[in-house]
Amino acid sequence: MKILITGGAGMVGSHAAEFYALRGDEVIVFDNLMRSKLFGYDKKSVEFNWNYLAKFKNIKRVLGDIRNIEDLKKVISKDIDVVIHTAGQPGVGFSIGDPTEDYTINAFGTFNVLEYMRKICPRSCFIYCSTNKVYGENVSNLALIEKDTRYSFRDMSAINENFEIDLTPHTPYGVSKYVGDIYTQEYSHTYGIKAAVFRMSCTYGTRQFGFEDQGWLAHFIISNIMNRQIIIYGDGKQVRDVLYVEDLIGAFDLFVKSDLNREVFNIGGGPQNTLSLLEFIKMVETKTSKKFKINFDKWRPSDQKVYISDISKAKKILKWFPEINVGCGVDKVLDWDKNNAKFFKSK
């Protein structure tokens, strides 16, 4: 197969590129390498993944922006079999400060890719990386139970794909990602493109350059290793389900190989792979024998106290199950971060 991966230098994109390259497929990685700029980081980050992928002879790397049709013409051709669209602006805080840039990347950029696919390779399969943030603050309206180290839902165990989306604040990020989400569904319905929307919870893995605003597991681990302070907004009992990146790519591939035409999946570690911030801190401290430097601050607007993905649909339809548990996944990230600590040192 011939696979195009937008945002291919990111954590998810680079792991998808490696997966298909190792399988022997022809892979095109397309990226504008602007992640560090988005988060005000004074060092290169995804450039590491960009250079890492150069070792694969069957990966072609192309610099470009999904918002630019001339750039898309370099990578979208009639013989493309699959487009995995991981490119995006992933920060809630960034979207509040610069909603225009957020919109052009997440909403217009996704539309641009879909529209050019429709014209050039409408029989290609399209994978869209959406987010649980499309559900907005409706999640925050659910009744909770407060326990010693975490919050939990009172009346349900997880959020499924039919959860209410309307009549609630989302943040500009949640809105722009939902625009791409619904355009993906519409281009499948109207133009027949085989497409899947994966509404992702917290995905983590090696080669992830985490920041406070995005990639919190990696950000916490890096901060612990480098003896940097972290800020916990709220009380630290907020809970997320977490999914190791290789398991996510496995779900993508199962859809690509399936006879399904279009689907929407909530994708994450599910109820069996959840962590509160306090629980994660304790886990990392136990593994590294180093205490975190922690500063507590007030809750941030739109922060969900609990989000857990109901992954039963993916299990039933794709026959997919997370294989890497939280402890094993965190060990992999810790080992990689320790061995590559030079990339996280301040200038």
Protein backbone atom coordinates (compact mmCIF):
# COMPACT_ATOMS: atom_id res chain seq x y z
CA MET A 1 0.00 0.00 0.00
CA LYS A 2 0.91 3.65 -0.36
CA ILE A 3 0.26 5.59 2.85
CA LEU A 4 0.23 9.37 3.31
CA ILE A 5 0.58 10.58 6.90
CA THR A 6 -0.07 14.25 7.54
CA GLY A 7 1.63 15.57 10.64
CA GLY A 8 3.95 12.61 10.24
CA ALA A 9 6.69 14.05 12.44
CA GLY A 10 4.40 14.15 15.47
CA MET A 11 4.25 11.39 18.03
CA VAL A 12 1.21 9.61 16.56
CA GLY A 13 2.19 10.33 12.97
CA SER A 14 5.77 9.12 13.33
CA HIS A 15 4.67 5.89 15.00
CA ALA A 16 2.17 5.31 12.21
CA ALA A 17 4.91 5.93 9.64
CA GLU A 18 7.24 3.49 11.38
CA PHE A 19 4.50 0.85 11.64
CA TYR A 20 3.75 0.87 7.92
CA ALA A 21 7.38 1.23 6.87
CA LEU A 22 8.35 -1.83 8.91
CA ARG A 23 5.52 -3.70 7.20
CA GLY A 24 7.02 -2.85 3.83
CA ASP A 25 4.52 -0.25 2.64
CA GLU A 26 5.43 2.93 0.78
CA VAL A 27 5.01 5.85 3.19
CA ILE A 28 4.92 9.61 2.64
CA VAL A 29 5.41 11.76 5.73
CA PHE A 30 4.07 15.32 5.35
CA ASP A 31 4.75 17.95 8.02
CA ASN A 32 5.48 21.65 8.45
CA LEU A 33 7.51 21.11 11.65
CA MET A 34 5.81 23.96 13.51
CA ARG A 35 4.97 22.20 16.79
CA SER A 36 7.67 23.95 18.82
CA LYS A 37 6.53 27.31 17.46
CA LEU A 38 2.93 26.58 18.47
CA PHE A 39 3.91 25.98 22.07
CA GLY A 40 6.59 28.65 22.38
CA TYR A 41 9.31 26.02 22.83
CA ASP A 42 12.80 27.38 22.19
CA LYS A 43 14.21 24.07 20.98
CA LYS A 44 13.42 21.68 18.16
CA SER A 45 11.03 18.87 19.07
CA VAL A 46 9.32 17.00 16.23
CA GLU A 47 12.47 17.54 14.18
CA PHE A 48 13.81 14.55 16.13
CA ASN A 49 11.08 12.34 14.67
CA TRP A 50 11.60 13.86 11.24
CA ASN A 51 15.27 12.87 11.35
CA TYR A 52 14.50 9.51 12.95
CA LEU A 53 12.28 8.54 10.02
CA ALA A 54 15.06 9.26 7.53
CA LYS A 55 16.56 5.83 8.25
CA PHE A 56 13.66 4.10 6.48
CA LYS A 57 14.28 3.78 2.75
CA ASN A 58 10.55 3.40 2.05
CA ILE A 59 9.60 6.65 3.82
CA LYS A 60 9.59 9.84 1.78
CA ARG A 61 9.58 13.04 3.85
CA VAL A 62 7.94 16.16 2.40
CA LEU A 63 7.86 19.56 4.07
CA GLY A 64 4.53 21.29 3.63
CA ASP A 65 1.37 22.67 5.16
CA ILE A 66 -2.11 21.14 4.93
CA ARG A 67 -3.53 24.63 4.44
CA ASN A 68 -1.64 25.06 1.17
CA ILE A 69 -3.07 23.34 -1.92
CA GLU A 70 0.23 23.58 -3.77
CA ASP A 71 1.86 21.67 -0.92
CA LEU A 72 -0.88 19.02 -0.96
CA LYS A 73 -0.33 18.53 -4.71
CA LYS A 74 3.15 17.26 -3.87
CA VAL A 75 1.83 14.36 -1.81
CA ILE A 76 -1.73 13.46 -2.81
CA SER A 77 -1.88 11.39 -5.98
CA LYS A 78 -4.23 8.89 -7.57
CA ASP A 79 -2.26 5.94 -6.23
CA ILE A 80 -2.59 6.88 -2.55
CA ASP A 81 -4.37 4.07 -0.70
CA VAL A 82 -4.63 5.56 2.79
CA VAL A 83 -4.43 9.05 4.29
CA ILE A 84 -3.86 9.13 8.05
CA HIS A 85 -4.58 12.70 9.08
CA THR A 86 -2.73 13.35 12.31
CA ALA A 87 -1.78 16.95 11.48
CA GLY A 88 -3.38 19.46 13.80
CA GLN A 89 -3.07 22.14 16.43
CA PRO A 90 -3.51 20.13 19.66
CA GLY A 91 -3.51 22.73 22.43
CA VAL A 92 -6.65 23.99 24.20
CA GLY A 93 -4.81 26.96 25.65
CA PHE A 94 -3.31 27.90 22.29
CA SER A 95 -6.77 27.84 20.69
CA ILE A 96 -8.10 30.31 23.24
CA GLY A 97 -5.20 32.69 22.64
CA ASP A 98 -5.16 32.35 18.84
CA PRO A 99 -8.49 30.96 17.58
CA THR A 100 -7.74 32.02 14.00
CA GLU A 101 -4.59 29.90 13.72
CA ASP A 102 -6.38 27.06 15.50
CA TYR A 103 -9.26 27.22 13.02
CA THR A 104 -7.10 27.37 9.91
CA ILE A 105 -5.06 24.34 10.96
CA ASN A 106 -7.75 22.07 12.41
CA ALA A 107 -10.89 22.99 10.49
CA PHE A 108 -9.75 24.46 7.17
CA GLY A 109 -6.70 22.21 6.99
CA THR A 110 -8.80 19.07 7.37
CA PHE A 111 -11.32 20.34 4.82
CA ASN A 112 -8.46 21.06 2.42
CA VAL A 113 -7.13 17.51 2.66
CA LEU A 114 -10.59 15.96 2.23
CA GLU A 115 -11.49 18.17 -0.72
CA TYR A 116 -8.27 17.45 -2.58
CA MET A 117 -8.69 13.74 -1.86
CA ARG A 118 -12.21 13.92 -3.30
CA LYS A 119 -10.82 15.32 -6.53
CA ILE A 120 -7.72 13.17 -6.86
CA CYS A 121 -8.11 9.87 -4.95
CA PRO A 122 -11.71 9.44 -3.75
CA ARG A 123 -11.24 5.71 -3.30
CA SER A 124 -8.56 6.22 -0.67
CA CYS A 125 -9.23 5.47 2.98
CA PHE A 126 -9.17 8.46 5.36
CA ILE A 127 -8.36 8.28 9.09
CA TYR A 128 -9.14 11.39 11.15
CA CYS A 129 -7.63 12.00 14.58
CA SER A 130 -10.44 13.69 16.51
CA THR A 131 -10.65 14.30 20.25
CA ASN A 132 -12.86 13.76 23.29
CA LYS A 133 -13.05 17.56 23.48
CA VAL A 134 -15.81 17.47 20.85
CA TYR A 135 -18.17 16.57 23.72
CA GLY A 136 -17.36 19.84 25.44
CA GLU A 137 -18.50 20.66 28.93
CA ASN A 138 -21.42 18.25 28.73
CA VAL A 139 -18.95 15.80 30.24
CA SER A 140 -18.45 18.14 33.18
CA ASN A 141 -22.19 18.13 33.90
CA LEU A 142 -22.16 14.44 34.81
CA ALA A 143 -22.53 13.55 38.48
CA LEU A 144 -19.27 12.51 40.11
CA ILE A 145 -18.07 10.69 43.21
CA GLU A 146 -14.97 12.06 44.95
CA LYS A 147 -12.57 9.46 46.32
CA ASP A 148 -9.19 9.74 48.05
CA THR A 149 -7.07 10.02 44.89
CA ARG A 150 -9.59 10.43 42.07
CA TYR A 151 -13.02 11.37 40.84
CA SER A 152 -15.27 8.81 39.15
CA PHE A 153 -18.57 8.98 37.31
CA ARG A 154 -21.52 8.26 39.59
CA ASP A 155 -23.94 6.82 37.05
CA MET A 156 -21.78 5.44 34.23
CA SER A 157 -18.33 3.97 33.66
CA ALA A 158 -17.36 5.66 30.39
CA ILE A 159 -18.43 7.94 27.50
CA ASN A 160 -19.70 6.34 24.30
CA GLU A 161 -20.05 7.74 20.78
CA ASN A 162 -23.68 8.77 21.28
CA PHE A 163 -22.90 11.18 24.11
CA GLU A 164 -24.45 14.65 23.65
CA ILE A 165 -22.32 17.21 21.79
CA ASP A 166 -24.66 20.20 21.38
CA LEU A 167 -25.65 23.15 23.61
CA THR A 168 -22.43 23.34 25.59
CA PRO A 169 -19.13 25.27 25.54
CA HIS A 170 -16.27 23.44 23.80
CA THR A 171 -13.29 25.88 23.62
CA PRO A 172 -12.16 26.91 20.12
CA TYR A 173 -10.02 23.76 19.97
CA GLY A 174 -13.00 21.49 20.60
CA VAL A 175 -14.97 23.34 17.93
CA SER A 176 -12.24 23.27 15.29
CA LYS A 177 -11.61 19.58 15.82
CA TYR A 178 -15.33 18.85 15.63
CA VAL A 179 -15.52 20.73 12.32
CA GLY A 180 -12.93 18.29 10.95
CA ASP A 181 -14.76 15.41 12.63
CA ILE A 182 -18.11 16.20 11.01
CA TYR A 183 -16.55 17.04 7.63
CA THR A 184 -14.89 13.63 7.66
CA GLN A 185 -18.26 11.99 8.27
CA GLU A 186 -19.94 14.13 5.59
CA TYR A 187 -17.34 13.47 2.91
CA SER A 188 -17.87 9.77 3.52
CA HIS A 189 -21.66 10.07 3.30
CA THR A 190 -21.79 12.45 0.34
CA TYR A 191 -18.75 11.43 -1.71
CA GLY A 192 -18.26 7.81 -0.68
CA ILE A 193 -14.81 8.16 0.87
CA LYS A 194 -14.04 5.29 3.24
CA ALA A 195 -13.43 7.17 6.48
CA ALA A 196 -13.12 6.71 10.23
CA VAL A 197 -13.17 9.27 13.01
CA PHE A 198 -11.21 8.32 16.11
CA ARG A 199 -12.15 10.53 19.07
CA MET A 200 -8.98 10.15 21.07
CA SER A 201 -8.50 10.37 24.79
CA CYS A 202 -4.93 10.67 26.16
CA THR A 203 -2.49 8.98 23.80
CA TYR A 204 1.12 8.68 24.92
CA GLY A 205 4.31 7.01 23.81
CA THR A 206 8.00 7.29 23.08
CA ARG A 207 9.35 10.19 21.01
CA GLN A 208 6.69 12.46 22.51
CA PHE A 209 7.73 16.01 23.35
CA GLY A 210 5.08 16.90 25.91
CA PHE A 211 4.14 20.38 27.02
CA GLU A 212 1.88 21.65 29.79
CA ASP A 213 -0.87 22.35 27.26
CA GLN A 214 -0.60 19.04 25.40
CA GLY A 215 0.92 15.63 26.07
CA TRP A 216 0.67 15.80 29.85
CA LEU A 217 2.03 12.31 30.60
CA ALA A 218 5.23 13.02 28.69
CA HIS A 219 5.41 16.52 30.19
CA PHE A 220 5.19 15.13 33.73
CA ILE A 221 7.80 12.43 33.09
CA ILE A 222 10.23 14.87 31.47
CA SER A 223 9.73 17.33 34.33
CA ASN A 224 10.49 14.65 36.90
CA ILE A 225 13.65 13.52 35.11
CA MET A 226 14.86 17.10 34.61
CA ASN A 227 13.91 18.26 38.15
CA ARG A 228 11.45 20.84 36.87
CA GLN A 229 8.34 22.06 38.61
CA ILE A 230 4.93 21.01 37.38
CA ILE A 231 1.66 22.85 37.93
CA ILE A 232 -1.46 20.93 38.87
CA TYR A 233 -4.61 22.88 38.08
CA GLY A 234 -7.24 21.85 40.59
CA ASP A 235 -6.67 19.11 43.14
CA GLY A 236 -5.02 16.43 41.00
CA LYS A 237 -7.91 13.98 41.28
CA GLN A 238 -8.95 14.48 37.66
CA VAL A 239 -8.97 11.22 35.71
CA ARG A 240 -8.24 10.23 32.10
CA ASP A 241 -8.02 6.93 30.30
CA VAL A 242 -4.65 6.57 28.60
CA LEU A 243 -3.65 4.63 25.49
CA TYR A 244 -0.19 3.68 24.31
CA VAL A 245 0.42 4.92 20.78
CA GLU A 246 1.14 1.52 19.24
CA ASP A 247 -2.30 0.32 20.29
CA LEU A 248 -3.85 3.36 18.61
CA ILE A 249 -2.06 2.63 15.33
CA GLY A 250 -3.32 -0.93 15.57
CA ALA A 251 -6.90 0.36 15.67
CA PHE A 252 -6.26 2.55 12.62
CA ASP A 253 -4.92 -0.42 10.68
CA LEU A 254 -7.83 -2.66 11.59
CA PHE A 255 -10.23 -0.10 10.10
CA VAL A 256 -8.09 0.30 6.98
CA LYS A 257 -8.15 -3.46 6.39
CA SER A 258 -11.86 -3.80 7.20
CA ASP A 259 -14.87 -3.76 4.88
CA LEU A 260 -16.38 -0.88 6.85
CA ASN A 261 -17.24 2.28 4.91
CA ARG A 262 -17.52 4.83 7.73
CA GLU A 263 -17.42 4.78 11.51
CA VAL A 264 -16.90 6.96 14.56
CA PHE A 265 -14.97 5.48 17.48
CA ASN A 266 -14.19 6.72 20.96
CA ILE A 267 -10.65 5.46 21.40
CA GLY A 268 -8.51 5.33 24.51
CA GLY A 269 -7.34 2.93 27.16
CA GLY A 270 -10.89 2.52 28.42
CA PRO A 271 -11.96 1.90 32.03
CA GLN A 272 -9.12 -0.60 32.57
CA ASN A 273 -6.40 1.97 31.83
CA THR A 274 -7.21 5.08 33.84
CA LEU A 275 -5.09 7.40 35.95
CA SER A 276 -5.64 10.47 38.05
CA LEU A 277 -2.86 13.04 38.13
CA LEU A 278 -2.12 12.14 41.76
CA GLU A 279 -1.95 8.43 40.93
CA PHE A 280 0.34 9.07 37.97
CA ILE A 281 2.64 11.23 40.07
CA LYS A 282 2.94 8.47 42.65
CA MET A 283 3.62 5.90 39.91
CA VAL A 284 6.42 7.96 38.37
CA GLU A 285 7.98 8.81 41.74
CA THR A 286 8.05 5.10 42.59
CA LYS A 287 9.72 4.24 39.29
CA THR A 288 12.33 7.04 39.37
CA SER A 289 12.81 7.42 43.15
CA LYS A 290 12.53 11.17 42.59
CA LYS A 291 9.92 13.47 44.09
CA PHE A 292 8.05 15.88 41.86
CA LYS A 293 8.26 19.61 42.43
CA ILE A 294 4.58 20.54 42.45
CA ASN A 295 2.71 23.82 42.53
CA PHE A 296 -1.08 23.76 42.77
CA ASP A 297 -3.17 26.38 40.99
CA LYS A 298 -6.88 27.01 40.42
CA TRP A 299 -8.95 24.90 38.03
CA ARG A 300 -8.70 25.95 34.40
CA PRO A 301 -11.85 26.72 32.39
CA SER A 302 -13.15 23.70 30.43
CA ASP A 303 -10.96 21.18 32.28
CA GLN A 304 -12.93 17.95 32.62
CA LYS A 305 -12.66 16.30 36.03
CA VAL A 306 -13.22 12.86 34.48
CA TYR A 307 -13.07 11.59 30.94
CA ILE A 308 -13.03 7.85 30.24
CA SER A 309 -13.61 6.41 26.77
CA ASP A 310 -16.16 3.66 26.26
CA ILE A 311 -14.18 1.50 23.81
CA SER A 312 -16.75 -1.27 23.51
CA LYS A 313 -17.67 -0.27 19.94
CA ALA A 314 -14.08 -0.56 18.75
CA LYS A 315 -13.78 -3.89 20.54
CA LYS A 316 -16.97 -5.21 18.93
CA ILE A 317 -16.60 -3.87 15.39
CA LEU A 318 -12.83 -3.85 14.90
CA LYS A 319 -12.03 -6.75 17.24
CA TRP A 320 -9.48 -4.38 18.80
CA PHE A 321 -8.19 -4.40 22.36
CA PRO A 322 -5.47 -2.36 24.08
CA GLU A 323 -2.48 -4.64 24.58
CA ILE A 324 -0.03 -2.39 26.45
CA ASN A 325 -1.11 -1.62 30.01
CA VAL A 326 -0.33 1.64 31.76
CA GLY A 327 2.60 0.34 33.81
CA CYS A 328 4.34 -1.16 30.79
CA GLY A 329 3.67 1.88 28.63
CA VAL A 330 5.01 4.30 31.24
CA ASP A 331 8.16 2.17 31.57
CA LYS A 332 8.75 2.47 27.81
CA VAL A 333 8.38 6.25 27.91
CA LEU A 334 10.57 6.60 31.01
CA ASP A 335 13.36 4.57 29.42
CA TRP A 336 13.23 6.59 26.20
CA ASP A 337 13.13 9.94 28.00
CA LYS A 338 16.06 9.02 30.25
CA ASN A 339 18.13 7.89 27.27
CA ASN A 340 17.33 11.08 25.38
CA ALA A 341 17.44 13.61 28.21
CA LYS A 342 19.76 15.88 26.21
CA PHE A 343 16.80 16.89 24.05
CA PHE A 344 14.97 18.27 27.07
CA LYS A 345 17.80 20.35 28.55
CA SER A 346 17.40 24.13 28.53
CA LYS A 347 19.80 26.13 26.44
